[in-house]
Amino acid sequence: MTPNEFKEWRLSFNWSQEDAANALDISRGTVINYESGRRRESNRQPVDIPRTVEYACYFLTIIKHKSRETDEEFLARLAKPNPQGELPTEGEADRFRHLQNQEFVDGIYASLMKES
């Protein structure tokens, strides 16, 4: 994902940088870095958008389009803490490693819809 694609993704949701940061559980400064393609520090080193962030953007897009929530409702649901507050067990983590993409998306969607 390029910096321009990341910014276009954020704007497609009509989100502020703060909204995108909250949805992705990253800092606003990280969003700024991703959109500029450079670190804000004095050395201005190039910054790559991690594949995990790209996948998170993709999944949020799918989930948002499958839901009938307003932007405010969607952001509010994303802001809810994990009710279990637990990491997956080793067995669960192993299962996630072998899921097909659509099965993974469907599982995330079902989980999020249960919480609403």
PDB file of N, CA and C in Angstrom:
ATOM      1  N   MET A   1       0.859  -1.172   0.000  1.00  0.00           N
ATOM      2  CA  MET A   1       0.000   0.000   0.000  1.00  0.00           C
ATOM      3  C   MET A   1       0.902   1.231   0.000  1.00  0.00           C
ATOM      4  N   THR A   2       0.630   2.133  -0.911  1.00  0.00           N
ATOM      5  CA  THR A   2       1.424   3.353  -0.997  1.00  0.00           C
ATOM      6  C   THR A   2       0.847   4.408  -0.044  1.00  0.00           C
ATOM      7  N   PRO A   3       1.623   5.448   0.244  1.00  0.00           N
ATOM      8  CA  PRO A   3       1.088   6.533   1.071  1.00  0.00           C
ATOM      9  C   PRO A   3      -0.194   7.143   0.493  1.00  0.00           C
ATOM     10  N   ASN A   4      -0.236   7.335  -0.827  1.00  0.00           N
ATOM     11  CA  ASN A   4      -1.443   7.899  -1.444  1.00  0.00           C
ATOM     12  C   ASN A   4      -2.637   6.959  -1.308  1.00  0.00           C
ATOM     13  N   GLU A   5      -2.408   5.652  -1.473  1.00  0.00           N
ATOM     14  CA  GLU A   5      -3.497   4.681  -1.312  1.00  0.00           C
ATOM     15  C   GLU A   5      -4.014   4.678   0.125  1.00  0.00           C
ATOM     16  N   PHE A   6      -3.088   4.791   1.082  1.00  0.00           N
ATOM     17  CA  PHE A   6      -3.495   4.822   2.485  1.00  0.00           C
ATOM     18  C   PHE A   6      -4.373   6.050   2.752  1.00  0.00           C
ATOM     19  N   LYS A   7      -3.939   7.197   2.252  1.00  0.00           N
ATOM     20  CA  LYS A   7      -4.717   8.425   2.467  1.00  0.00           C
ATOM     21  C   LYS A   7      -6.071   8.338   1.765  1.00  0.00           C
ATOM     22  N   GLU A   8      -6.094   7.801   0.549  1.00  0.00           N
ATOM     23  CA  GLU A   8      -7.361   7.628  -0.163  1.00  0.00           C
ATOM     24  C   GLU A   8      -8.290   6.702   0.611  1.00  0.00           C
ATOM     25  N   TRP A   9      -7.725   5.640   1.210  1.00  0.00           N
ATOM     26  CA  TRP A   9      -8.529   4.723   2.026  1.00  0.00           C
ATOM     27  C   TRP A   9      -9.180   5.494   3.173  1.00  0.00           C
ATOM     28  N   ARG A  10      -8.375   6.271   3.889  1.00  0.00           N
ATOM     29  CA  ARG A  10      -8.903   7.040   5.027  1.00  0.00           C
ATOM     30  C   ARG A  10     -10.000   7.999   4.572  1.00  0.00           C
ATOM     31  N   LEU A  11      -9.741   8.713   3.493  1.00  0.00           N
ATOM     32  CA  LEU A  11     -10.713   9.696   3.007  1.00  0.00           C
ATOM     33  C   LEU A  11     -11.983   9.033   2.475  1.00  0.00           C
ATOM     34  N   SER A  12     -11.880   7.789   1.991  1.00  0.00           N
ATOM     35  CA  SER A  12     -13.070   7.081   1.502  1.00  0.00           C
ATOM     36  C   SER A  12     -14.070   6.833   2.629  1.00  0.00           C
ATOM     37  N   PHE A  13     -13.590   6.826   3.872  1.00  0.00           N
ATOM     38  CA  PHE A  13     -14.449   6.688   5.041  1.00  0.00           C
ATOM     39  C   PHE A  13     -14.862   8.053   5.604  1.00  0.00           C
ATOM     40  N   ASN A  14     -14.333   9.123   5.018  1.00  0.00           N
ATOM     41  CA  ASN A  14     -14.536  10.479   5.555  1.00  0.00           C
ATOM     42  C   ASN A  14     -14.012  10.585   6.980  1.00  0.00           C
ATOM     43  N   TRP A  15     -12.901   9.912   7.239  1.00  0.00           N
ATOM     44  CA  TRP A  15     -12.313   9.899   8.573  1.00  0.00           C
ATOM     45  C   TRP A  15     -11.208  10.935   8.691  1.00  0.00           C
ATOM     46  N   SER A  16     -11.091  11.493   9.868  1.00  0.00           N
ATOM     47  CA  SER A  16      -9.934  12.328  10.192  1.00  0.00           C
ATOM     48  C   SER A  16      -8.745  11.391  10.416  1.00  0.00           C
ATOM     49  N   GLN A  17      -7.570  11.972  10.527  1.00  0.00           N
ATOM     50  CA  GLN A  17      -6.398  11.151  10.849  1.00  0.00           C
ATOM     51  C   GLN A  17      -6.580  10.488  12.209  1.00  0.00           C
ATOM     52  N   GLU A  18      -7.209  11.199  13.134  1.00  0.00           N
ATOM     53  CA  GLU A  18      -7.463  10.643  14.467  1.00  0.00           C
ATOM     54  C   GLU A  18      -8.430   9.457  14.397  1.00  0.00           C
ATOM     55  N   ASP A  19      -9.479   9.572  13.576  1.00  0.00           N
ATOM     56  CA  ASP A  19     -10.428   8.465  13.403  1.00  0.00           C
ATOM     57  C   ASP A  19      -9.719   7.222  12.865  1.00  0.00           C
ATOM     58  N   ALA A  20      -8.892   7.412  11.832  1.00  0.00           N
ATOM     59  CA  ALA A  20      -8.166   6.280  11.249  1.00  0.00           C
ATOM     60  C   ALA A  20      -7.218   5.667  12.270  1.00  0.00           C
ATOM     61  N   ALA A  21      -6.555   6.508  13.045  1.00  0.00           N
ATOM     62  CA  ALA A  21      -5.641   6.008  14.081  1.00  0.00           C
ATOM     63  C   ALA A  21      -6.397   5.158  15.095  1.00  0.00           C
ATOM     64  N   ASN A  22      -7.558   5.628  15.529  1.00  0.00           N
ATOM     65  CA  ASN A  22      -8.358   4.871  16.494  1.00  0.00           C
ATOM     66  C   ASN A  22      -8.846   3.557  15.905  1.00  0.00           C
ATOM     67  N   ALA A  23      -9.295   3.582  14.647  1.00  0.00           N
ATOM     68  CA  ALA A  23      -9.801   2.368  14.003  1.00  0.00           C
ATOM     69  C   ALA A  23      -8.704   1.319  13.846  1.00  0.00           C
ATOM     70  N   LEU A  24      -7.478   1.764  13.583  1.00  0.00           N
ATOM     71  CA  LEU A  24      -6.356   0.844  13.362  1.00  0.00           C
ATOM     72  C   LEU A  24      -5.549   0.584  14.629  1.00  0.00           C
ATOM     73  N   ASP A  25      -5.909   1.255  15.716  1.00  0.00           N
ATOM     74  CA  ASP A  25      -5.205   1.117  16.993  1.00  0.00           C
ATOM     75  C   ASP A  25      -3.726   1.491  16.859  1.00  0.00           C
ATOM     76  N   ILE A  26      -3.500   2.631  16.183  1.00  0.00           N
ATOM     77  CA  ILE A  26      -2.157   3.193  16.041  1.00  0.00           C
ATOM     78  C   ILE A  26      -2.242   4.669  16.427  1.00  0.00           C
ATOM     79  N   SER A  27      -1.118   5.343  16.494  1.00  0.00           N
ATOM     80  CA  SER A  27      -1.132   6.759  16.864  1.00  0.00           C
ATOM     81  C   SER A  27      -1.425   7.638  15.643  1.00  0.00           C
ATOM     82  N   ARG A  28      -1.892   8.839  15.911  1.00  0.00           N
ATOM     83  CA  ARG A  28      -2.121   9.797  14.825  1.00  0.00           C
ATOM     84  C   ARG A  28      -0.802  10.111  14.115  1.00  0.00           C
ATOM     85  N   GLY A  29       0.281  10.177  14.876  1.00  0.00           N
ATOM     86  CA  GLY A  29       1.596  10.416  14.279  1.00  0.00           C
ATOM     87  C   GLY A  29       1.977   9.341  13.274  1.00  0.00           C
ATOM     88  N   THR A  30       1.608   8.098  13.568  1.00  0.00           N
ATOM     89  CA  THR A  30       1.888   7.002  12.636  1.00  0.00           C
ATOM     90  C   THR A  30       1.071   7.178  11.364  1.00  0.00           C
ATOM     91  N   VAL A  31      -0.184   7.608  11.499  1.00  0.00           N
ATOM     92  CA  VAL A  31      -1.017   7.875  10.322  1.00  0.00           C
ATOM     93  C   VAL A  31      -0.365   8.967   9.474  1.00  0.00           C
ATOM     94  N   ILE A  32       0.110  10.021  10.117  1.00  0.00           N
ATOM     95  CA  ILE A  32       0.781  11.111   9.398  1.00  0.00           C
ATOM     96  C   ILE A  32       2.009  10.578   8.661  1.00  0.00           C
ATOM     97  N   ASN A  33       2.797   9.744   9.336  1.00  0.00           N
ATOM     98  CA  ASN A  33       3.979   9.151   8.695  1.00  0.00           C
ATOM     99  C   ASN A  33       3.587   8.319   7.481  1.00  0.00           C
ATOM    100  N   TYR A  34       2.559   7.479   7.632  1.00  0.00           N
ATOM    101  CA  TYR A  34       2.128   6.622   6.523  1.00  0.00           C
ATOM    102  C   TYR A  34       1.660   7.453   5.334  1.00  0.00           C
ATOM    103  N   GLU A  35       0.933   8.534   5.604  1.00  0.00           N
ATOM    104  CA  GLU A  35       0.409   9.354   4.510  1.00  0.00           C
ATOM    105  C   GLU A  35       1.501  10.153   3.805  1.00  0.00           C
ATOM    106  N   SER A  36       2.514  10.545   4.538  1.00  0.00           N
ATOM    107  CA  SER A  36       3.604  11.316   3.918  1.00  0.00           C
ATOM    108  C   SER A  36       4.668  10.401   3.319  1.00  0.00           C
ATOM    109  N   GLY A  37       4.710   9.152   3.797  1.00  0.00           N
ATOM    110  CA  GLY A  37       5.739   8.221   3.333  1.00  0.00           C
ATOM    111  C   GLY A  37       7.084   8.462   3.994  1.00  0.00           C
ATOM    112  N   ARG A  38       7.118   9.362   4.954  1.00  0.00           N
ATOM    113  CA  ARG A  38       8.361   9.724   5.653  1.00  0.00           C
ATOM    114  C   ARG A  38       8.104   9.841   7.144  1.00  0.00           C
ATOM    115  N   ARG A  39       9.139   9.602   7.906  1.00  0.00           N
ATOM    116  CA  ARG A  39       9.048   9.817   9.353  1.00  0.00           C
ATOM    117  C   ARG A  39       9.111  11.319   9.620  1.00  0.00           C
ATOM    118  N   ARG A  40       8.427  11.734  10.668  1.00  0.00           N
ATOM    119  CA  ARG A  40       8.390  13.165  10.999  1.00  0.00           C
ATOM    120  C   ARG A  40       9.661  13.634  11.685  1.00  0.00           C
ATOM    121  N   GLU A  41      10.441  12.715  12.222  1.00  0.00           N
ATOM    122  CA  GLU A  41      11.657  13.115  12.933  1.00  0.00           C
ATOM    123  C   GLU A  41      12.620  13.810  11.968  1.00  0.00           C
ATOM    124  N   SER A  42      13.660  14.338  12.504  1.00  0.00           N
ATOM    125  CA  SER A  42      14.595  15.145  11.715  1.00  0.00           C
ATOM    126  C   SER A  42      15.239  14.382  10.562  1.00  0.00           C
ATOM    127  N   ASN A  43      15.413  13.064  10.691  1.00  0.00           N
ATOM    128  CA  ASN A  43      16.090  12.333   9.610  1.00  0.00           C
ATOM    129  C   ASN A  43      15.171  12.035   8.425  1.00  0.00           C
ATOM    130  N   ARG A  44      13.849  12.164   8.617  1.00  0.00           N
ATOM    131  CA  ARG A  44      12.872  11.991   7.534  1.00  0.00           C
ATOM    132  C   ARG A  44      13.081  10.703   6.738  1.00  0.00           C
ATOM    133  N   GLN A  45      13.430   9.638   7.436  1.00  0.00           N
ATOM    134  CA  GLN A  45      13.613   8.335   6.790  1.00  0.00           C
ATOM    135  C   GLN A  45      12.308   7.880   6.133  1.00  0.00           C
ATOM    136  N   PRO A  46      12.408   7.188   4.994  1.00  0.00           N
ATOM    137  CA  PRO A  46      11.193   6.631   4.387  1.00  0.00           C
ATOM    138  C   PRO A  46      10.543   5.640   5.352  1.00  0.00           C
ATOM    139  N   VAL A  47       9.234   5.565   5.305  1.00  0.00           N
ATOM    140  CA  VAL A  47       8.504   4.632   6.158  1.00  0.00           C
ATOM    141  C   VAL A  47       7.603   3.777   5.270  1.00  0.00           C
ATOM    142  N   ASP A  48       7.646   2.480   5.489  1.00  0.00           N
ATOM    143  CA  ASP A  48       6.783   1.558   4.758  1.00  0.00           C
ATOM    144  C   ASP A  48       5.530   1.291   5.577  1.00  0.00           C
ATOM    145  N   ILE A  49       4.426   1.131   4.896  1.00  0.00           N
ATOM    146  CA  ILE A  49       3.184   0.758   5.564  1.00  0.00           C
ATOM    147  C   ILE A  49       3.200  -0.761   5.689  1.00  0.00           C
ATOM    148  N   PRO A  50       3.163  -1.271   6.923  1.00  0.00           N
ATOM    149  CA  PRO A  50       3.243  -2.721   7.108  1.00  0.00           C
ATOM    150  C   PRO A  50       2.078  -3.448   6.432  1.00  0.00           C
ATOM    151  N   ARG A  51       2.347  -4.649   5.990  1.00  0.00           N
ATOM    152  CA  ARG A  51       1.319  -5.466   5.349  1.00  0.00           C
ATOM    153  C   ARG A  51       0.130  -5.674   6.295  1.00  0.00           C
ATOM    154  N   THR A  52       0.396  -5.794   7.596  1.00  0.00           N
ATOM    155  CA  THR A  52      -0.699  -5.994   8.555  1.00  0.00           C
ATOM    156  C   THR A  52      -1.648  -4.801   8.566  1.00  0.00           C
ATOM    157  N   VAL A  53      -1.112  -3.603   8.414  1.00  0.00           N
ATOM    158  CA  VAL A  53      -1.958  -2.401   8.361  1.00  0.00           C
ATOM    159  C   VAL A  53      -2.755  -2.396   7.058  1.00  0.00           C
ATOM    160  N   GLU A  54      -2.109  -2.775   5.972  1.00  0.00           N
ATOM    161  CA  GLU A  54      -2.812  -2.861   4.688  1.00  0.00           C
ATOM    162  C   GLU A  54      -3.973  -3.852   4.788  1.00  0.00           C
ATOM    163  N   TYR A  55      -3.737  -5.014   5.394  1.00  0.00           N
ATOM    164  CA  TYR A  55      -4.800  -6.010   5.567  1.00  0.00           C
ATOM    165  C   TYR A  55      -5.901  -5.471   6.472  1.00  0.00           C
ATOM    166  N   ALA A  56      -5.520  -4.769   7.528  1.00  0.00           N
ATOM    167  CA  ALA A  56      -6.524  -4.197   8.433  1.00  0.00           C
ATOM    168  C   ALA A  56      -7.409  -3.204   7.678  1.00  0.00           C
ATOM    169  N   CYS A  57      -6.811  -2.390   6.824  1.00  0.00           N
ATOM    170  CA  CYS A  57      -7.587  -1.441   6.016  1.00  0.00           C
ATOM    171  C   CYS A  57      -8.567  -2.194   5.115  1.00  0.00           C
ATOM    172  N   TYR A  58      -8.073  -3.249   4.497  1.00  0.00           N
ATOM    173  CA  TYR A  58      -8.898  -4.071   3.609  1.00  0.00           C
ATOM    174  C   TYR A  58     -10.074  -4.670   4.377  1.00  0.00           C
ATOM    175  N   PHE A  59      -9.812  -5.259   5.534  1.00  0.00           N
ATOM    176  CA  PHE A  59     -10.877  -5.893   6.310  1.00  0.00           C
ATOM    177  C   PHE A  59     -11.868  -4.867   6.851  1.00  0.00           C
ATOM    178  N   LEU A  60     -11.383  -3.712   7.283  1.00  0.00           N
ATOM    179  CA  LEU A  60     -12.299  -2.669   7.753  1.00  0.00           C
ATOM    180  C   LEU A  60     -13.220  -2.203   6.627  1.00  0.00           C
ATOM    181  N   THR A  61     -12.683  -2.134   5.421  1.00  0.00           N
ATOM    182  CA  THR A  61     -13.490  -1.739   4.268  1.00  0.00           C
ATOM    183  C   THR A  61     -14.595  -2.759   4.015  1.00  0.00           C
ATOM    184  N   ILE A  62     -14.238  -4.038   4.029  1.00  0.00           N
ATOM    185  CA  ILE A  62     -15.233  -5.094   3.805  1.00  0.00           C
ATOM    186  C   ILE A  62     -16.297  -5.062   4.895  1.00  0.00           C
ATOM    187  N   ILE A  63     -15.864  -4.991   6.136  1.00  0.00           N
ATOM    188  CA  ILE A  63     -16.800  -5.015   7.259  1.00  0.00           C
ATOM    189  C   ILE A  63     -17.720  -3.799   7.217  1.00  0.00           C
ATOM    190  N   LYS A  64     -17.158  -2.638   6.924  1.00  0.00           N
ATOM    191  CA  LYS A  64     -17.966  -1.412   6.860  1.00  0.00           C
ATOM    192  C   LYS A  64     -19.017  -1.530   5.767  1.00  0.00           C
ATOM    193  N   HIS A  65     -18.638  -2.058   4.614  1.00  0.00           N
ATOM    194  CA  HIS A  65     -19.585  -2.148   3.509  1.00  0.00           C
ATOM    195  C   HIS A  65     -20.635  -3.235   3.727  1.00  0.00           C
ATOM    196  N   LYS A  66     -20.319  -4.243   4.533  1.00  0.00           N
ATOM    197  CA  LYS A  66     -21.306  -5.281   4.842  1.00  0.00           C
ATOM    198  C   LYS A  66     -22.279  -4.817   5.925  1.00  0.00           C
ATOM    199  N   SER A  67     -21.865  -3.862   6.740  1.00  0.00           N
ATOM    200  CA  SER A  67     -22.737  -3.388   7.819  1.00  0.00           C
ATOM    201  C   SER A  67     -23.610  -2.255   7.295  1.00  0.00           C
ATOM    202  N   ARG A  68     -24.668  -1.996   8.008  1.00  0.00           N
ATOM    203  CA  ARG A  68     -25.546  -0.896   7.627  1.00  0.00           C
ATOM    204  C   ARG A  68     -25.437   0.245   8.643  1.00  0.00           C
ATOM    205  N   GLU A  69     -24.310   0.307   9.296  1.00  0.00           N
ATOM    206  CA  GLU A  69     -24.105   1.315  10.336  1.00  0.00           C
ATOM    207  C   GLU A  69     -23.695   2.651   9.734  1.00  0.00           C
ATOM    208  N   THR A  70     -24.004   3.706  10.467  1.00  0.00           N
ATOM    209  CA  THR A  70     -23.484   5.017  10.097  1.00  0.00           C
ATOM    210  C   THR A  70     -21.987   5.034  10.422  1.00  0.00           C
ATOM    211  N   ASP A  71     -21.289   6.026   9.904  1.00  0.00           N
ATOM    212  CA  ASP A  71     -19.858   6.150  10.212  1.00  0.00           C
ATOM    213  C   ASP A  71     -19.632   6.263  11.715  1.00  0.00           C
ATOM    214  N   GLU A  72     -20.496   7.020  12.381  1.00  0.00           N
ATOM    215  CA  GLU A  72     -20.345   7.213  13.827  1.00  0.00           C
ATOM    216  C   GLU A  72     -20.537   5.901  14.583  1.00  0.00           C
ATOM    217  N   GLU A  73     -21.551   5.115  14.185  1.00  0.00           N
ATOM    218  CA  GLU A  73     -21.802   3.823  14.843  1.00  0.00           C
ATOM    219  C   GLU A  73     -20.640   2.861  14.611  1.00  0.00           C
ATOM    220  N   PHE A  74     -20.128   2.862  13.391  1.00  0.00           N
ATOM    221  CA  PHE A  74     -19.018   1.970  13.050  1.00  0.00           C
ATOM    222  C   PHE A  74     -17.777   2.321  13.871  1.00  0.00           C
ATOM    223  N   LEU A  75     -17.445   3.608  13.940  1.00  0.00           N
ATOM    224  CA  LEU A  75     -16.284   4.035  14.729  1.00  0.00           C
ATOM    225  C   LEU A  75     -16.479   3.731  16.208  1.00  0.00           C
ATOM    226  N   ALA A  76     -17.697   3.916  16.702  1.00  0.00           N
ATOM    227  CA  ALA A  76     -17.969   3.633  18.117  1.00  0.00           C
ATOM    228  C   ALA A  76     -17.773   2.150  18.413  1.00  0.00           C
ATOM    229  N   ARG A  77     -18.199   1.283  17.492  1.00  0.00           N
ATOM    230  CA  ARG A  77     -18.028  -0.157  17.706  1.00  0.00           C
ATOM    231  C   ARG A  77     -16.550  -0.534  17.687  1.00  0.00           C
ATOM    232  N   LEU A  78     -15.793   0.090  16.798  1.00  0.00           N
ATOM    233  CA  LEU A  78     -14.357  -0.195  16.740  1.00  0.00           C
ATOM    234  C   LEU A  78     -13.645   0.264  18.004  1.00  0.00           C
ATOM    235  N   ALA A  79     -14.182   1.290  18.653  1.00  0.00           N
ATOM    236  CA  ALA A  79     -13.543   1.832  19.854  1.00  0.00           C
ATOM    237  C   ALA A  79     -13.796   0.977  21.086  1.00  0.00           C
ATOM    238  N   LYS A  80     -14.756   0.036  20.996  1.00  0.00           N
ATOM    239  CA  LYS A  80     -15.043  -0.822  22.151  1.00  0.00           C
ATOM    240  C   LYS A  80     -13.843  -1.712  22.436  1.00  0.00           C
ATOM    241  N   PRO A  81     -13.500  -1.875  23.710  1.00  0.00           N
ATOM    242  CA  PRO A  81     -12.390  -2.774  24.038  1.00  0.00           C
ATOM    243  C   PRO A  81     -12.783  -4.227  23.800  1.00  0.00           C
ATOM    244  N   ASN A  82     -11.778  -5.063  23.626  1.00  0.00           N
ATOM    245  CA  ASN A  82     -11.988  -6.503  23.487  1.00  0.00           C
ATOM    246  C   ASN A  82     -12.659  -6.993  24.764  1.00  0.00           C
ATOM    247  N   PRO A  83     -13.898  -7.538  24.680  1.00  0.00           N
ATOM    248  CA  PRO A  83     -14.600  -7.914  25.906  1.00  0.00           C
ATOM    249  C   PRO A  83     -13.883  -8.995  26.709  1.00  0.00           C
ATOM    250  N   GLN A  84     -13.205  -9.892  26.048  1.00  0.00           N
ATOM    251  CA  GLN A  84     -12.485 -10.929  26.772  1.00  0.00           C
ATOM    252  C   GLN A  84     -11.140 -10.425  27.275  1.00  0.00           C
ATOM    253  N   GLY A  85     -10.550  -9.501  26.535  1.00  0.00           N
ATOM    254  CA  GLY A  85      -9.247  -8.966  26.912  1.00  0.00           C
ATOM    255  C   GLY A  85      -8.164 -10.026  26.952  1.00  0.00           C
ATOM    256  N   GLU A  86      -8.347 -11.080  26.172  1.00  0.00           N
ATOM    257  CA  GLU A  86      -7.402 -12.194  26.214  1.00  0.00           C
ATOM    258  C   GLU A  86      -6.774 -12.412  24.847  1.00  0.00           C
ATOM    259  N   LEU A  87      -5.585 -12.940  24.858  1.00  0.00           N
ATOM    260  CA  LEU A  87      -4.938 -13.361  23.628  1.00  0.00           C
ATOM    261  C   LEU A  87      -5.489 -14.723  23.239  1.00  0.00           C
ATOM    262  N   PRO A  88      -5.468 -15.062  21.941  1.00  0.00           N
ATOM    263  CA  PRO A  88      -5.934 -16.390  21.561  1.00  0.00           C
ATOM    264  C   PRO A  88      -5.017 -17.468  22.133  1.00  0.00           C
ATOM    265  N   THR A  89      -5.602 -18.642  22.363  1.00  0.00           N
ATOM    266  CA  THR A  89      -4.790 -19.769  22.821  1.00  0.00           C
ATOM    267  C   THR A  89      -3.889 -20.198  21.676  1.00  0.00           C
ATOM    268  N   GLU A  90      -2.912 -21.020  21.965  1.00  0.00           N
ATOM    269  CA  GLU A  90      -2.010 -21.506  20.915  1.00  0.00           C
ATOM    270  C   GLU A  90      -2.796 -22.263  19.845  1.00  0.00           C
ATOM    271  N   GLY A  91      -3.786 -23.049  20.275  1.00  0.00           N
ATOM    272  CA  GLY A  91      -4.615 -23.787  19.314  1.00  0.00           C
ATOM    273  C   GLY A  91      -5.407 -22.857  18.410  1.00  0.00           C
ATOM    274  N   GLU A  92      -5.982 -21.800  18.995  1.00  0.00           N
ATOM    275  CA  GLU A  92      -6.735 -20.830  18.199  1.00  0.00           C
ATOM    276  C   GLU A  92      -5.807 -20.105  17.229  1.00  0.00           C
ATOM    277  N   ALA A  93      -4.647 -19.721  17.706  1.00  0.00           N
ATOM    278  CA  ALA A  93      -3.679 -19.026  16.846  1.00  0.00           C
ATOM    279  C   ALA A  93      -3.261 -19.926  15.693  1.00  0.00           C
ATOM    280  N   ASP A  94      -3.079 -21.214  15.981  1.00  0.00           N
ATOM    281  CA  ASP A  94      -2.702 -22.180  14.949  1.00  0.00           C
ATOM    282  C   ASP A  94      -3.801 -22.280  13.892  1.00  0.00           C
ATOM    283  N   ARG A  95      -5.044 -22.293  14.342  1.00  0.00           N
ATOM    284  CA  ARG A  95      -6.169 -22.379  13.407  1.00  0.00           C
ATOM    285  C   ARG A  95      -6.214 -21.141  12.515  1.00  0.00           C
ATOM    286  N   PHE A  96      -5.987 -19.960  13.081  1.00  0.00           N
ATOM    287  CA  PHE A  96      -6.006 -18.733  12.285  1.00  0.00           C
ATOM    288  C   PHE A  96      -4.933 -18.743  11.199  1.00  0.00           C
ATOM    289  N   ARG A  97      -3.814 -19.382  11.475  1.00  0.00           N
ATOM    290  CA  ARG A  97      -2.732 -19.429  10.484  1.00  0.00           C
ATOM    291  C   ARG A  97      -3.139 -20.192   9.229  1.00  0.00           C
ATOM    292  N   HIS A  98      -4.123 -21.083   9.361  1.00  0.00           N
ATOM    293  CA  HIS A  98      -4.495 -21.949   8.243  1.00  0.00           C
ATOM    294  C   HIS A  98      -5.812 -21.561   7.576  1.00  0.00           C
ATOM    295  N   LEU A  99      -6.433 -20.496   8.037  1.00  0.00           N
ATOM    296  CA  LEU A  99      -7.707 -20.081   7.453  1.00  0.00           C
ATOM    297  C   LEU A  99      -7.520 -19.550   6.039  1.00  0.00           C
ATOM    298  N   GLN A 100      -8.487 -19.798   5.220  1.00  0.00           N
ATOM    299  CA  GLN A 100      -8.519 -19.185   3.901  1.00  0.00           C
ATOM    300  C   GLN A 100      -8.968 -17.737   4.079  1.00  0.00           C
ATOM    301  N   ASN A 101      -8.622 -16.863   3.157  1.00  0.00           N
ATOM    302  CA  ASN A 101      -8.935 -15.438   3.287  1.00  0.00           C
ATOM    303  C   ASN A 101     -10.416 -15.173   3.541  1.00  0.00           C
ATOM    304  N   GLN A 102     -11.310 -15.768   2.752  1.00  0.00           N
ATOM    305  CA  GLN A 102     -12.732 -15.483   2.910  1.00  0.00           C
ATOM    306  C   GLN A 102     -13.244 -15.991   4.247  1.00  0.00           C
ATOM    307  N   GLU A 103     -12.771 -17.158   4.672  1.00  0.00           N
ATOM    308  CA  GLU A 103     -13.171 -17.705   5.962  1.00  0.00           C
ATOM    309  C   GLU A 103     -12.730 -16.754   7.080  1.00  0.00           C
ATOM    310  N   PHE A 104     -11.550 -16.175   6.935  1.00  0.00           N
ATOM    311  CA  PHE A 104     -11.034 -15.233   7.923  1.00  0.00           C
ATOM    312  C   PHE A 104     -11.907 -13.978   7.971  1.00  0.00           C
ATOM    313  N   VAL A 105     -12.223 -13.421   6.802  1.00  0.00           N
ATOM    314  CA  VAL A 105     -13.065 -12.223   6.729  1.00  0.00           C
ATOM    315  C   VAL A 105     -14.435 -12.512   7.330  1.00  0.00           C
ATOM    316  N   ASP A 106     -15.030 -13.651   6.959  1.00  0.00           N
ATOM    317  CA  ASP A 106     -16.348 -14.007   7.487  1.00  0.00           C
ATOM    318  C   ASP A 106     -16.311 -14.153   9.003  1.00  0.00           C
ATOM    319  N   GLY A 107     -15.229 -14.723   9.525  1.00  0.00           N
ATOM    320  CA  GLY A 107     -15.089 -14.886  10.970  1.00  0.00           C
ATOM    321  C   GLY A 107     -14.976 -13.559  11.689  1.00  0.00           C
ATOM    322  N   ILE A 108     -14.197 -12.645  11.135  1.00  0.00           N
ATOM    323  CA  ILE A 108     -14.060 -11.313  11.732  1.00  0.00           C
ATOM    324  C   ILE A 108     -15.410 -10.600  11.702  1.00  0.00           C
ATOM    325  N   TYR A 109     -16.077 -10.670  10.568  1.00  0.00           N
ATOM    326  CA  TYR A 109     -17.377 -10.009  10.428  1.00  0.00           C
ATOM    327  C   TYR A 109     -18.373 -10.562  11.443  1.00  0.00           C
ATOM    328  N   ALA A 110     -18.452 -11.887  11.555  1.00  0.00           N
ATOM    329  CA  ALA A 110     -19.386 -12.513  12.502  1.00  0.00           C
ATOM    330  C   ALA A 110     -19.067 -12.092  13.932  1.00  0.00           C
ATOM    331  N   SER A 111     -17.788 -12.045  14.266  1.00  0.00           N
ATOM    332  CA  SER A 111     -17.376 -11.658  15.610  1.00  0.00           C
ATOM    333  C   SER A 111     -17.769 -10.217  15.914  1.00  0.00           C
ATOM    334  N   LEU A 112     -17.538  -9.322  14.979  1.00  0.00           N
ATOM    335  CA  LEU A 112     -17.876  -7.917  15.190  1.00  0.00           C
ATOM    336  C   LEU A 112     -19.383  -7.705  15.260  1.00  0.00           C
ATOM    337  N   MET A 113     -20.134  -8.444  14.466  1.00  0.00           N
ATOM    338  CA  MET A 113     -21.582  -8.282  14.473  1.00  0.00           C
ATOM    339  C   MET A 113     -22.184  -8.806  15.772  1.00  0.00           C
ATOM    340  N   LYS A 114     -21.552  -9.813  16.382  1.00  0.00           N
ATOM    341  CA  LYS A 114     -22.015 -10.341  17.660  1.00  0.00           C
ATOM    342  C   LYS A 114     -21.911  -9.289  18.752  1.00  0.00           C
ATOM    343  N   GLU A 115     -20.865  -8.461  18.678  1.00  0.00           N
ATOM    344  CA  GLU A 115     -20.598  -7.467  19.715  1.00  0.00           C
ATOM    345  C   GLU A 115     -21.527  -6.271  19.625  1.00  0.00           C
ATOM    346  N   SER A 116     -22.166  -6.052  18.473  1.00  0.00           N
ATOM    347  CA  SER A 116     -22.990  -4.841  18.332  1.00  0.00           C
ATOM    348  C   SER A 116     -24.377  -5.033  18.886  1.00  0.00           C
TER     349      SER A 116
END
